[in-house]
Amino acid sequence: MTEYKPLFPGELVRTRHYRKVIIRKTIQIARANPDRTDEEIAELAEREVAPLCDLCVESSFDDAKPHLVGRYFLDEDKEERQDHVGRFFIHRMEKQLRANDITKYLIPVFAQSVASLLGQEKYEEFGDRLQRLLNQTVKQGMTYPEALESRRGQGLIHEILKSYKREIANTPGFKDRLKNKMDAELVKLQSNFNGESLNIVETVNLAYEEFLRLID
C-alpha cells in the first residue's frame, strides 16, 4: 500500500483531530443502531458529521480565525459523548455521577438509554432540534459547554428529562433492562476497581436509585 501523504501538511494536527472525531462518531452510530441497514447508518452518519466536515474545510481557508478545533462543539475527548441527545440529557446530573466511584462508569449506559426509552421518532425530533441549536452556537463562537449552559440549551435539557421521566412510567420492563445493561457494564469494568470485591447486584440497585433521584 502506498504511504499516505496529507494534502495539506501544515494542517496535520487539525485534520487528524477532525478525522478521529468523524471515525469515532461513525462507529458510535453503527453500534447504537445495530438493527439499521447500512444505507440508514450511512445517512445518520452523514447527517452527524456534515457540519464537522464543513467546518474543517472552512477553518483551513481562514487563518485569521481563532483555532476552531478547541471551540468546536463536537470536540469529543470524552468517550461518554455518544450523541447530542444523550449528552444533553446527562448534563445536569454529570457532576454528581462523577463524584461517585461507581456511577461515573455508568454515564454511557444512562446516556444511551435515552434512545431506547423515548423511541426513534421522539429521539430524532430532539436530535434535529439540538443539531440546529449547535449549528447556531458554533456560528456564534460558543463552545460545546457554553451551548449546554445557554438558555435554549437548558430548555432542551429540561424537555428531554421531562419526556424521559414520563416514559419510564409507561414502559414495562424498563427498570430491568436498564439494570441488566448496568450489570454488564460493571462486569466488563471490574478491573477498574483496583481488585476490590464488588457486589454487582447491590451496586446496580444503589446506582439505579441514585440515577432516579438525580433525574428528579
N, C-alpha and C. Protein backbone atom coordinates (compact mmCIF):
# COMPACT_ATOMS: atom_id res chain seq x y z
N MET A 1 0.85 -1.20 0.00
CA MET A 1 0.00 0.00 0.00
C MET A 1 0.88 1.24 0.00
N THR A 2 0.54 2.19 -0.86
CA THR A 2 1.31 3.44 -0.94
C THR A 2 1.14 4.23 0.35
N GLU A 3 2.24 4.77 0.86
CA GLU A 3 2.18 5.55 2.09
C GLU A 3 1.32 6.79 1.90
N TYR A 4 0.45 7.03 2.86
CA TYR A 4 -0.44 8.19 2.77
C TYR A 4 0.33 9.48 2.98
N LYS A 5 0.08 10.46 2.11
CA LYS A 5 0.68 11.78 2.23
C LYS A 5 -0.44 12.81 2.32
N PRO A 6 -0.49 13.59 3.41
CA PRO A 6 -1.58 14.56 3.59
C PRO A 6 -1.58 15.61 2.50
N LEU A 7 -2.80 16.03 2.12
CA LEU A 7 -2.96 17.05 1.09
C LEU A 7 -2.46 18.40 1.58
N PHE A 8 -2.69 18.68 2.89
CA PHE A 8 -2.25 19.95 3.49
C PHE A 8 -1.35 19.63 4.68
N PRO A 9 -0.05 19.45 4.47
CA PRO A 9 0.86 19.08 5.57
C PRO A 9 0.82 20.05 6.74
N GLY A 10 0.56 21.33 6.46
CA GLY A 10 0.52 22.32 7.52
C GLY A 10 -0.70 22.20 8.41
N GLU A 11 -1.67 21.37 8.01
CA GLU A 11 -2.91 21.23 8.77
C GLU A 11 -3.00 19.86 9.46
N LEU A 12 -1.86 19.23 9.71
CA LEU A 12 -1.87 17.86 10.22
C LEU A 12 -2.62 17.72 11.53
N VAL A 13 -2.36 18.60 12.50
CA VAL A 13 -2.99 18.48 13.80
C VAL A 13 -4.50 18.64 13.70
N ARG A 14 -4.91 19.67 12.97
CA ARG A 14 -6.33 19.95 12.85
C ARG A 14 -7.07 18.83 12.11
N THR A 15 -6.53 18.40 10.97
CA THR A 15 -7.22 17.38 10.19
C THR A 15 -7.19 16.03 10.90
N ARG A 16 -6.12 15.75 11.63
CA ARG A 16 -6.08 14.49 12.39
C ARG A 16 -7.17 14.49 13.45
N HIS A 17 -7.37 15.63 14.09
CA HIS A 17 -8.42 15.74 15.11
C HIS A 17 -9.80 15.50 14.50
N TYR A 18 -10.09 16.19 13.41
CA TYR A 18 -11.39 16.03 12.77
C TYR A 18 -11.59 14.60 12.28
N ARG A 19 -10.54 14.02 11.73
CA ARG A 19 -10.65 12.64 11.22
C ARG A 19 -11.00 11.68 12.34
N LYS A 20 -10.35 11.84 13.50
CA LYS A 20 -10.64 10.97 14.64
C LYS A 20 -12.08 11.12 15.11
N VAL A 21 -12.57 12.36 15.14
CA VAL A 21 -13.95 12.59 15.58
C VAL A 21 -14.94 11.95 14.61
N ILE A 22 -14.68 12.08 13.30
CA ILE A 22 -15.56 11.51 12.29
C ILE A 22 -15.60 9.99 12.41
N ILE A 23 -14.44 9.37 12.55
CA ILE A 23 -14.37 7.91 12.67
C ILE A 23 -15.09 7.46 13.93
N ARG A 24 -14.83 8.15 15.06
CA ARG A 24 -15.46 7.76 16.32
C ARG A 24 -16.97 7.91 16.25
N LYS A 25 -17.41 9.02 15.67
CA LYS A 25 -18.85 9.27 15.55
C LYS A 25 -19.52 8.19 14.70
N THR A 26 -18.90 7.80 13.61
CA THR A 26 -19.47 6.78 12.73
C THR A 26 -19.56 5.43 13.44
N ILE A 27 -18.52 5.07 14.19
CA ILE A 27 -18.54 3.81 14.94
C ILE A 27 -19.64 3.84 15.99
N GLN A 28 -19.78 4.96 16.69
CA GLN A 28 -20.81 5.09 17.72
C GLN A 28 -22.20 4.93 17.13
N ILE A 29 -22.42 5.54 15.98
CA ILE A 29 -23.73 5.44 15.33
C ILE A 29 -24.02 4.00 14.94
N ALA A 30 -23.02 3.30 14.39
CA ALA A 30 -23.22 1.90 13.98
C ALA A 30 -23.54 1.02 15.19
N ARG A 31 -22.83 1.23 16.29
CA ARG A 31 -23.06 0.42 17.50
C ARG A 31 -24.42 0.72 18.13
N ALA A 32 -24.84 1.97 18.05
CA ALA A 32 -26.10 2.37 18.67
C ALA A 32 -27.32 1.98 17.84
N ASN A 33 -27.08 1.58 16.58
CA ASN A 33 -28.19 1.23 15.70
C ASN A 33 -27.95 -0.12 15.01
N PRO A 34 -27.83 -1.20 15.80
CA PRO A 34 -27.50 -2.50 15.21
C PRO A 34 -28.57 -3.04 14.27
N ASP A 35 -29.80 -2.55 14.40
CA ASP A 35 -30.89 -3.05 13.56
C ASP A 35 -31.06 -2.26 12.27
N ARG A 36 -30.31 -1.18 12.12
CA ARG A 36 -30.43 -0.36 10.91
C ARG A 36 -29.66 -1.00 9.74
N THR A 37 -30.10 -0.68 8.53
CA THR A 37 -29.38 -1.14 7.35
C THR A 37 -28.13 -0.28 7.15
N ASP A 38 -27.23 -0.74 6.29
CA ASP A 38 -26.02 0.03 6.00
C ASP A 38 -26.37 1.40 5.44
N GLU A 39 -27.42 1.44 4.59
CA GLU A 39 -27.82 2.71 3.99
C GLU A 39 -28.34 3.68 5.05
N GLU A 40 -29.13 3.17 6.01
CA GLU A 40 -29.67 4.02 7.07
C GLU A 40 -28.56 4.54 7.97
N ILE A 41 -27.59 3.68 8.29
CA ILE A 41 -26.46 4.10 9.13
C ILE A 41 -25.63 5.15 8.41
N ALA A 42 -25.43 4.95 7.11
CA ALA A 42 -24.67 5.93 6.33
C ALA A 42 -25.39 7.29 6.33
N GLU A 43 -26.70 7.26 6.23
CA GLU A 43 -27.47 8.51 6.25
C GLU A 43 -27.35 9.21 7.59
N LEU A 44 -27.45 8.43 8.70
CA LEU A 44 -27.31 9.01 10.02
C LEU A 44 -25.91 9.61 10.21
N ALA A 45 -24.90 8.86 9.76
CA ALA A 45 -23.52 9.32 9.92
C ALA A 45 -23.29 10.60 9.12
N GLU A 46 -23.82 10.65 7.91
CA GLU A 46 -23.63 11.85 7.08
C GLU A 46 -24.27 13.06 7.74
N ARG A 47 -25.46 12.88 8.32
CA ARG A 47 -26.14 13.99 8.97
C ARG A 47 -25.36 14.48 10.18
N GLU A 48 -24.73 13.56 10.92
CA GLU A 48 -23.99 13.94 12.12
C GLU A 48 -22.69 14.66 11.80
N VAL A 49 -21.97 14.18 10.76
CA VAL A 49 -20.62 14.71 10.54
C VAL A 49 -20.57 15.80 9.47
N ALA A 50 -21.69 16.06 8.79
CA ALA A 50 -21.67 17.09 7.74
C ALA A 50 -21.20 18.45 8.26
N PRO A 51 -21.76 18.94 9.41
CA PRO A 51 -21.28 20.24 9.92
C PRO A 51 -19.79 20.21 10.26
N LEU A 52 -19.31 19.07 10.73
CA LEU A 52 -17.90 18.94 11.09
C LEU A 52 -17.02 19.04 9.84
N CYS A 53 -17.42 18.37 8.77
CA CYS A 53 -16.65 18.43 7.53
C CYS A 53 -16.63 19.85 6.97
N ASP A 54 -17.80 20.51 7.03
CA ASP A 54 -17.88 21.89 6.53
C ASP A 54 -16.95 22.80 7.33
N LEU A 55 -16.94 22.64 8.65
CA LEU A 55 -16.11 23.50 9.48
C LEU A 55 -14.64 23.22 9.25
N CYS A 56 -14.29 21.97 9.02
CA CYS A 56 -12.90 21.62 8.75
C CYS A 56 -12.40 22.33 7.50
N VAL A 57 -13.23 22.31 6.45
CA VAL A 57 -12.87 22.99 5.20
C VAL A 57 -12.79 24.50 5.43
N GLU A 58 -13.81 25.04 6.11
CA GLU A 58 -13.86 26.48 6.37
C GLU A 58 -12.64 26.95 7.14
N SER A 59 -12.27 26.20 8.18
CA SER A 59 -11.17 26.63 9.05
C SER A 59 -9.84 26.60 8.31
N SER A 60 -9.71 25.71 7.33
CA SER A 60 -8.44 25.60 6.61
C SER A 60 -8.21 26.79 5.68
N PHE A 61 -9.29 27.54 5.39
CA PHE A 61 -9.16 28.69 4.49
C PHE A 61 -9.14 30.02 5.21
N ASP A 62 -9.20 30.01 6.53
CA ASP A 62 -9.26 31.27 7.25
C ASP A 62 -8.34 31.23 8.46
N ASP A 63 -7.09 31.57 8.24
CA ASP A 63 -6.10 31.53 9.32
C ASP A 63 -6.28 32.65 10.32
N ALA A 64 -7.10 33.66 9.97
CA ALA A 64 -7.29 34.79 10.87
C ALA A 64 -8.21 34.45 12.04
N LYS A 65 -8.99 33.37 11.89
CA LYS A 65 -9.92 32.99 12.95
C LYS A 65 -9.15 32.29 14.09
N PRO A 66 -9.72 32.32 15.30
CA PRO A 66 -9.13 31.53 16.38
C PRO A 66 -9.15 30.06 15.99
N HIS A 67 -8.29 29.30 16.61
CA HIS A 67 -8.21 27.88 16.28
C HIS A 67 -9.55 27.21 16.56
N LEU A 68 -10.24 26.76 15.51
CA LEU A 68 -11.60 26.28 15.66
C LEU A 68 -11.70 24.90 16.31
N VAL A 69 -10.62 24.15 16.29
CA VAL A 69 -10.69 22.82 16.89
C VAL A 69 -11.10 22.90 18.35
N GLY A 70 -10.49 23.82 19.09
CA GLY A 70 -10.80 23.94 20.51
C GLY A 70 -12.18 24.48 20.78
N ARG A 71 -12.78 25.16 19.81
CA ARG A 71 -14.09 25.76 20.00
C ARG A 71 -15.22 24.86 19.54
N TYR A 72 -14.93 23.91 18.69
CA TYR A 72 -15.99 23.17 18.01
C TYR A 72 -16.78 22.29 18.98
N PHE A 73 -18.10 22.29 18.84
CA PHE A 73 -18.95 21.60 19.80
C PHE A 73 -18.84 20.09 19.73
N LEU A 74 -18.23 19.55 18.68
CA LEU A 74 -18.07 18.10 18.59
C LEU A 74 -16.67 17.66 19.01
N ASP A 75 -16.00 18.47 19.80
CA ASP A 75 -14.68 18.11 20.31
C ASP A 75 -14.88 17.02 21.35
N GLU A 76 -14.81 15.75 20.94
CA GLU A 76 -15.25 14.66 21.79
C GLU A 76 -14.05 13.93 22.41
N ASP A 77 -13.43 14.57 23.38
CA ASP A 77 -12.33 13.92 24.06
C ASP A 77 -12.84 12.86 25.03
N LYS A 78 -14.10 12.96 25.44
CA LYS A 78 -14.63 12.05 26.43
C LYS A 78 -15.46 10.97 25.76
N GLU A 79 -15.18 9.72 26.13
CA GLU A 79 -15.82 8.58 25.49
C GLU A 79 -17.33 8.59 25.66
N GLU A 80 -17.82 9.17 26.79
CA GLU A 80 -19.25 9.08 27.05
C GLU A 80 -20.09 9.99 26.17
N ARG A 81 -19.47 10.85 25.37
CA ARG A 81 -20.26 11.72 24.49
C ARG A 81 -20.70 10.91 23.27
N GLN A 82 -21.69 10.06 23.47
CA GLN A 82 -22.15 9.19 22.40
C GLN A 82 -22.96 9.95 21.37
N ASP A 83 -23.71 10.93 21.78
CA ASP A 83 -24.57 11.68 20.88
C ASP A 83 -25.03 12.94 21.60
N HIS A 84 -25.60 13.86 20.84
CA HIS A 84 -26.01 15.13 21.45
C HIS A 84 -27.16 14.96 22.42
N VAL A 85 -28.15 14.14 22.07
CA VAL A 85 -29.32 13.99 22.94
C VAL A 85 -28.90 13.38 24.28
N GLY A 86 -28.13 12.31 24.24
CA GLY A 86 -27.67 11.69 25.48
C GLY A 86 -26.78 12.61 26.28
N ARG A 87 -25.94 13.37 25.57
CA ARG A 87 -25.03 14.31 26.25
C ARG A 87 -25.82 15.40 26.97
N PHE A 88 -26.83 15.95 26.30
CA PHE A 88 -27.65 16.97 26.94
C PHE A 88 -28.43 16.38 28.11
N PHE A 89 -28.94 15.17 27.93
CA PHE A 89 -29.72 14.51 28.97
C PHE A 89 -28.91 14.35 30.26
N ILE A 90 -27.65 13.98 30.13
CA ILE A 90 -26.84 13.65 31.29
C ILE A 90 -26.21 14.88 31.94
N HIS A 91 -26.30 16.04 31.28
CA HIS A 91 -25.52 17.20 31.70
C HIS A 91 -25.81 17.64 33.13
N ARG A 92 -27.08 17.76 33.50
CA ARG A 92 -27.43 18.29 34.82
C ARG A 92 -26.96 17.39 35.96
N MET A 93 -26.87 16.11 35.71
CA MET A 93 -26.51 15.17 36.78
C MET A 93 -25.06 14.68 36.68
N GLU A 94 -24.33 15.16 35.67
CA GLU A 94 -22.99 14.61 35.42
C GLU A 94 -22.03 14.82 36.59
N LYS A 95 -22.08 15.99 37.21
CA LYS A 95 -21.15 16.27 38.31
C LYS A 95 -21.37 15.29 39.46
N GLN A 96 -22.64 15.05 39.79
CA GLN A 96 -22.93 14.12 40.89
C GLN A 96 -22.56 12.69 40.52
N LEU A 97 -22.80 12.31 39.27
CA LEU A 97 -22.45 10.96 38.84
C LEU A 97 -20.94 10.75 38.89
N ARG A 98 -20.19 11.78 38.51
CA ARG A 98 -18.73 11.64 38.51
C ARG A 98 -18.15 11.65 39.92
N ALA A 99 -18.90 12.16 40.87
CA ALA A 99 -18.42 12.20 42.25
C ALA A 99 -18.46 10.83 42.89
N ASN A 100 -19.21 9.91 42.28
CA ASN A 100 -19.35 8.56 42.81
C ASN A 100 -18.45 7.62 42.00
N ASP A 101 -17.63 6.83 42.70
CA ASP A 101 -16.68 5.96 42.02
C ASP A 101 -17.35 4.95 41.10
N ILE A 102 -18.60 4.60 41.40
CA ILE A 102 -19.29 3.59 40.59
C ILE A 102 -20.10 4.24 39.48
N THR A 103 -20.94 5.22 39.84
CA THR A 103 -21.85 5.77 38.84
C THR A 103 -21.13 6.48 37.69
N LYS A 104 -19.92 6.94 37.92
CA LYS A 104 -19.23 7.61 36.82
C LYS A 104 -18.96 6.65 35.67
N TYR A 105 -18.82 5.35 35.98
CA TYR A 105 -18.61 4.36 34.94
C TYR A 105 -19.89 4.06 34.17
N LEU A 106 -21.02 4.44 34.73
CA LEU A 106 -22.31 4.12 34.12
C LEU A 106 -22.87 5.27 33.29
N ILE A 107 -22.15 6.37 33.20
CA ILE A 107 -22.63 7.51 32.42
C ILE A 107 -22.98 7.11 30.98
N PRO A 108 -22.15 6.31 30.28
CA PRO A 108 -22.54 5.91 28.92
C PRO A 108 -23.84 5.12 28.89
N VAL A 109 -24.07 4.27 29.89
CA VAL A 109 -25.30 3.47 29.94
C VAL A 109 -26.51 4.38 30.09
N PHE A 110 -26.43 5.34 31.01
CA PHE A 110 -27.54 6.26 31.23
C PHE A 110 -27.79 7.11 29.99
N ALA A 111 -26.73 7.60 29.36
CA ALA A 111 -26.88 8.45 28.18
C ALA A 111 -27.51 7.67 27.02
N GLN A 112 -27.08 6.43 26.84
CA GLN A 112 -27.58 5.63 25.72
C GLN A 112 -29.01 5.15 25.94
N SER A 113 -29.47 5.16 27.19
CA SER A 113 -30.82 4.68 27.47
C SER A 113 -31.88 5.63 26.92
N VAL A 114 -31.49 6.86 26.61
CA VAL A 114 -32.46 7.86 26.11
C VAL A 114 -33.09 7.38 24.81
N ALA A 115 -32.28 6.89 23.89
CA ALA A 115 -32.79 6.49 22.58
C ALA A 115 -33.79 5.35 22.70
N SER A 116 -33.48 4.34 23.49
CA SER A 116 -34.37 3.19 23.61
C SER A 116 -35.66 3.54 24.34
N LEU A 117 -35.59 4.48 25.29
CA LEU A 117 -36.78 4.81 26.07
C LEU A 117 -37.71 5.76 25.33
N LEU A 118 -37.17 6.76 24.67
CA LEU A 118 -38.01 7.76 24.01
C LEU A 118 -38.59 7.25 22.70
N GLY A 119 -37.93 6.27 22.08
CA GLY A 119 -38.39 5.81 20.78
C GLY A 119 -37.75 6.62 19.66
N GLN A 120 -37.67 6.02 18.48
CA GLN A 120 -36.93 6.62 17.38
C GLN A 120 -37.47 7.97 16.95
N GLU A 121 -38.80 8.09 16.84
CA GLU A 121 -39.38 9.34 16.34
C GLU A 121 -39.10 10.51 17.28
N LYS A 122 -39.36 10.33 18.57
CA LYS A 122 -39.12 11.40 19.54
C LYS A 122 -37.64 11.69 19.67
N TYR A 123 -36.83 10.65 19.64
CA TYR A 123 -35.39 10.81 19.77
C TYR A 123 -34.84 11.63 18.61
N GLU A 124 -35.27 11.31 17.40
CA GLU A 124 -34.79 12.05 16.24
C GLU A 124 -35.30 13.49 16.24
N GLU A 125 -36.50 13.69 16.78
CA GLU A 125 -37.02 15.06 16.90
C GLU A 125 -36.11 15.90 17.79
N PHE A 126 -35.74 15.35 18.96
CA PHE A 126 -34.82 16.06 19.84
C PHE A 126 -33.46 16.25 19.16
N GLY A 127 -33.02 15.20 18.46
CA GLY A 127 -31.74 15.29 17.79
C GLY A 127 -31.68 16.40 16.76
N ASP A 128 -32.76 16.55 15.99
CA ASP A 128 -32.81 17.61 14.98
C ASP A 128 -32.80 18.99 15.64
N ARG A 129 -33.55 19.14 16.73
CA ARG A 129 -33.61 20.43 17.42
C ARG A 129 -32.24 20.79 18.03
N LEU A 130 -31.59 19.81 18.60
CA LEU A 130 -30.28 20.05 19.20
C LEU A 130 -29.24 20.36 18.13
N GLN A 131 -29.35 19.69 16.98
CA GLN A 131 -28.40 19.97 15.91
C GLN A 131 -28.53 21.40 15.42
N ARG A 132 -29.78 21.87 15.31
CA ARG A 132 -29.99 23.27 14.90
C ARG A 132 -29.41 24.23 15.93
N LEU A 133 -29.61 23.90 17.21
CA LEU A 133 -29.05 24.74 18.27
C LEU A 133 -27.54 24.78 18.19
N LEU A 134 -26.92 23.62 18.01
CA LEU A 134 -25.46 23.55 17.98
C LEU A 134 -24.90 24.22 16.73
N ASN A 135 -25.59 24.09 15.61
CA ASN A 135 -25.15 24.79 14.41
C ASN A 135 -25.14 26.30 14.62
N GLN A 136 -26.16 26.77 15.34
CA GLN A 136 -26.26 28.20 15.61
C GLN A 136 -25.18 28.66 16.59
N THR A 137 -24.95 27.87 17.63
CA THR A 137 -23.98 28.28 18.64
C THR A 137 -22.56 28.30 18.10
N VAL A 138 -22.23 27.35 17.22
CA VAL A 138 -20.86 27.35 16.69
C VAL A 138 -20.62 28.58 15.82
N LYS A 139 -21.68 29.05 15.12
CA LYS A 139 -21.55 30.26 14.33
C LYS A 139 -21.33 31.48 15.22
N GLN A 140 -21.84 31.40 16.45
CA GLN A 140 -21.69 32.49 17.41
C GLN A 140 -20.37 32.40 18.18
N GLY A 141 -19.58 31.36 17.87
CA GLY A 141 -18.30 31.20 18.54
C GLY A 141 -18.39 30.56 19.91
N MET A 142 -19.53 29.91 20.21
CA MET A 142 -19.70 29.29 21.51
C MET A 142 -19.08 27.89 21.53
N THR A 143 -18.59 27.49 22.69
CA THR A 143 -18.07 26.14 22.86
C THR A 143 -19.23 25.19 23.18
N TYR A 144 -18.92 23.89 23.15
CA TYR A 144 -19.95 22.90 23.49
C TYR A 144 -20.48 23.12 24.91
N PRO A 145 -19.61 23.29 25.93
CA PRO A 145 -20.13 23.55 27.29
C PRO A 145 -20.99 24.80 27.37
N GLU A 146 -20.62 25.84 26.61
CA GLU A 146 -21.43 27.05 26.61
C GLU A 146 -22.80 26.80 26.00
N ALA A 147 -22.86 25.94 24.99
CA ALA A 147 -24.15 25.58 24.39
C ALA A 147 -25.02 24.85 25.40
N LEU A 148 -24.40 23.97 26.19
CA LEU A 148 -25.13 23.25 27.23
C LEU A 148 -25.72 24.20 28.26
N GLU A 149 -24.98 25.25 28.59
CA GLU A 149 -25.41 26.16 29.65
C GLU A 149 -26.28 27.31 29.14
N SER A 150 -26.42 27.44 27.84
CA SER A 150 -27.23 28.53 27.30
C SER A 150 -28.70 28.36 27.68
N ARG A 151 -29.46 29.44 27.57
CA ARG A 151 -30.88 29.38 27.93
C ARG A 151 -31.62 28.35 27.09
N ARG A 152 -31.38 28.36 25.77
CA ARG A 152 -32.04 27.38 24.91
C ARG A 152 -31.55 25.97 25.19
N GLY A 153 -30.27 25.85 25.49
CA GLY A 153 -29.73 24.53 25.82
C GLY A 153 -30.36 23.96 27.08
N GLN A 154 -30.47 24.79 28.11
CA GLN A 154 -31.09 24.35 29.36
C GLN A 154 -32.56 24.01 29.16
N GLY A 155 -33.24 24.77 28.28
CA GLY A 155 -34.64 24.48 28.00
C GLY A 155 -34.81 23.12 27.35
N LEU A 156 -33.92 22.77 26.43
CA LEU A 156 -34.00 21.47 25.77
C LEU A 156 -33.64 20.34 26.72
N ILE A 157 -32.68 20.59 27.60
CA ILE A 157 -32.33 19.59 28.61
C ILE A 157 -33.56 19.28 29.47
N HIS A 158 -34.26 20.33 29.87
CA HIS A 158 -35.47 20.14 30.69
C HIS A 158 -36.52 19.33 29.94
N GLU A 159 -36.69 19.59 28.66
CA GLU A 159 -37.68 18.85 27.87
C GLU A 159 -37.30 17.38 27.74
N ILE A 160 -36.02 17.10 27.53
CA ILE A 160 -35.57 15.71 27.41
C ILE A 160 -35.80 14.97 28.72
N LEU A 161 -35.42 15.60 29.83
CA LEU A 161 -35.62 14.97 31.15
C LEU A 161 -37.11 14.72 31.42
N LYS A 162 -37.95 15.68 31.07
CA LYS A 162 -39.39 15.54 31.30
C LYS A 162 -39.95 14.38 30.48
N SER A 163 -39.56 14.28 29.22
CA SER A 163 -40.03 13.18 28.38
C SER A 163 -39.51 11.84 28.89
N TYR A 164 -38.26 11.82 29.33
CA TYR A 164 -37.66 10.59 29.83
C TYR A 164 -38.41 10.09 31.07
N LYS A 165 -38.66 10.98 32.01
CA LYS A 165 -39.36 10.59 33.24
C LYS A 165 -40.79 10.11 32.94
N ARG A 166 -41.44 10.76 31.99
CA ARG A 166 -42.81 10.36 31.63
C ARG A 166 -42.82 8.96 31.01
N GLU A 167 -41.82 8.66 30.19
CA GLU A 167 -41.79 7.36 29.52
C GLU A 167 -41.42 6.22 30.46
N ILE A 168 -40.69 6.51 31.53
CA ILE A 168 -40.35 5.46 32.49
C ILE A 168 -41.61 4.77 33.01
N ALA A 169 -42.61 5.59 33.36
CA ALA A 169 -43.85 5.05 33.92
C ALA A 169 -44.67 4.30 32.87
N ASN A 170 -44.44 4.60 31.59
CA ASN A 170 -45.24 3.99 30.53
C ASN A 170 -44.52 2.87 29.78
N THR A 171 -43.36 2.46 30.30
CA THR A 171 -42.55 1.46 29.59
C THR A 171 -42.31 0.24 30.48
N PRO A 172 -43.13 -0.81 30.32
CA PRO A 172 -42.94 -2.03 31.12
C PRO A 172 -41.56 -2.64 30.87
N GLY A 173 -40.92 -3.05 31.93
CA GLY A 173 -39.62 -3.71 31.80
C GLY A 173 -38.43 -2.79 31.68
N PHE A 174 -38.67 -1.47 31.68
CA PHE A 174 -37.54 -0.54 31.52
C PHE A 174 -36.52 -0.71 32.64
N LYS A 175 -37.00 -0.79 33.87
CA LYS A 175 -36.11 -0.90 35.02
C LYS A 175 -35.19 -2.11 34.89
N ASP A 176 -35.76 -3.26 34.53
CA ASP A 176 -34.95 -4.47 34.41
C ASP A 176 -33.95 -4.36 33.27
N ARG A 177 -34.37 -3.79 32.14
CA ARG A 177 -33.46 -3.67 31.00
C ARG A 177 -32.29 -2.74 31.33
N LEU A 178 -32.58 -1.63 31.99
CA LEU A 178 -31.51 -0.70 32.34
C LEU A 178 -30.56 -1.34 33.35
N LYS A 179 -31.12 -2.04 34.33
CA LYS A 179 -30.26 -2.70 35.32
C LYS A 179 -29.38 -3.76 34.68
N ASN A 180 -29.92 -4.48 33.71
CA ASN A 180 -29.12 -5.50 33.02
C ASN A 180 -27.95 -4.88 32.29
N LYS A 181 -28.17 -3.72 31.67
CA LYS A 181 -27.09 -3.04 30.96
C LYS A 181 -26.06 -2.50 31.95
N MET A 182 -26.53 -2.00 33.10
CA MET A 182 -25.61 -1.53 34.13
C MET A 182 -24.77 -2.69 34.65
N ASP A 183 -25.40 -3.82 34.86
CA ASP A 183 -24.72 -5.02 35.34
C ASP A 183 -23.62 -5.43 34.37
N ALA A 184 -23.97 -5.49 33.08
CA ALA A 184 -23.00 -5.90 32.06
C ALA A 184 -21.81 -4.94 32.00
N GLU A 185 -22.09 -3.65 32.16
CA GLU A 185 -21.02 -2.65 32.10
C GLU A 185 -20.07 -2.79 33.29
N LEU A 186 -20.62 -3.01 34.47
CA LEU A 186 -19.77 -3.15 35.66
C LEU A 186 -18.95 -4.44 35.62
N VAL A 187 -19.53 -5.50 35.11
CA VAL A 187 -18.77 -6.75 34.97
C VAL A 187 -17.59 -6.53 34.03
N LYS A 188 -17.85 -5.82 32.94
CA LYS A 188 -16.80 -5.54 31.96
C LYS A 188 -15.69 -4.67 32.54
N LEU A 189 -16.05 -3.82 33.51
CA LEU A 189 -15.10 -2.85 34.05
C LEU A 189 -14.55 -3.24 35.43
N GLN A 190 -14.69 -4.49 35.81
CA GLN A 190 -14.24 -4.95 37.13
C GLN A 190 -12.80 -4.56 37.40
N SER A 191 -11.96 -4.60 36.38
CA SER A 191 -10.53 -4.33 36.58
C SER A 191 -10.27 -2.88 37.00
N ASN A 192 -11.24 -1.99 36.80
CA ASN A 192 -11.05 -0.58 37.18
C ASN A 192 -11.22 -0.33 38.67
N PHE A 193 -11.64 -1.35 39.40
CA PHE A 193 -11.93 -1.15 40.82
C PHE A 193 -10.79 -1.62 41.73
N ASN A 194 -9.57 -1.64 41.18
CA ASN A 194 -8.36 -1.92 41.96
C ASN A 194 -8.43 -3.24 42.72
N GLY A 195 -9.04 -4.23 42.08
CA GLY A 195 -9.08 -5.55 42.69
C GLY A 195 -10.06 -5.70 43.83
N GLU A 196 -10.81 -4.65 44.15
CA GLU A 196 -11.77 -4.72 45.24
C GLU A 196 -12.94 -5.63 44.87
N SER A 197 -13.43 -6.35 45.85
CA SER A 197 -14.59 -7.19 45.63
C SER A 197 -15.82 -6.30 45.47
N LEU A 198 -16.55 -6.52 44.39
CA LEU A 198 -17.70 -5.66 44.08
C LEU A 198 -18.96 -6.51 44.00
N ASN A 199 -19.93 -6.19 44.85
CA ASN A 199 -21.22 -6.85 44.80
C ASN A 199 -22.03 -6.19 43.68
N ILE A 200 -22.05 -6.85 42.53
CA ILE A 200 -22.66 -6.25 41.35
C ILE A 200 -24.14 -5.95 41.57
N VAL A 201 -24.89 -6.90 42.09
CA VAL A 201 -26.33 -6.73 42.26
C VAL A 201 -26.63 -5.56 43.18
N GLU A 202 -25.96 -5.52 44.33
CA GLU A 202 -26.18 -4.44 45.28
C GLU A 202 -25.77 -3.09 44.69
N THR A 203 -24.65 -3.08 43.98
CA THR A 203 -24.15 -1.84 43.39
C THR A 203 -25.10 -1.31 42.32
N VAL A 204 -25.62 -2.21 41.50
CA VAL A 204 -26.56 -1.81 40.46
C VAL A 204 -27.83 -1.22 41.07
N ASN A 205 -28.34 -1.86 42.13
CA ASN A 205 -29.55 -1.34 42.79
C ASN A 205 -29.32 0.06 43.35
N LEU A 206 -28.18 0.25 44.01
CA LEU A 206 -27.87 1.56 44.58
C LEU A 206 -27.68 2.61 43.49
N ALA A 207 -27.00 2.23 42.40
CA ALA A 207 -26.76 3.16 41.30
C ALA A 207 -28.08 3.54 40.61
N TYR A 208 -28.98 2.57 40.49
CA TYR A 208 -30.27 2.85 39.86
C TYR A 208 -31.08 3.85 40.69
N GLU A 209 -31.09 3.65 42.00
CA GLU A 209 -31.83 4.56 42.87
C GLU A 209 -31.22 5.97 42.83
N GLU A 210 -29.89 6.04 42.77
CA GLU A 210 -29.22 7.34 42.67
C GLU A 210 -29.58 8.02 41.35
N PHE A 211 -29.63 7.25 40.29
CA PHE A 211 -29.98 7.79 38.98
C PHE A 211 -31.40 8.36 38.99
N LEU A 212 -32.36 7.61 39.56
CA LEU A 212 -33.73 8.10 39.66
C LEU A 212 -33.81 9.39 40.47
N ARG A 213 -33.04 9.44 41.54
CA ARG A 213 -33.03 10.64 42.37
C ARG A 213 -32.53 11.84 41.60
N LEU A 214 -31.50 11.63 40.78
CA LEU A 214 -30.88 12.73 40.04
C LEU A 214 -31.78 13.23 38.92
N ILE A 215 -32.51 12.36 38.26
CA ILE A 215 -33.37 12.84 37.17
C ILE A 215 -34.59 13.55 37.70
N ASP A 216 -34.89 13.40 38.99
CA ASP A 216 -35.96 14.16 39.61
C ASP A 216 -35.51 15.56 40.00
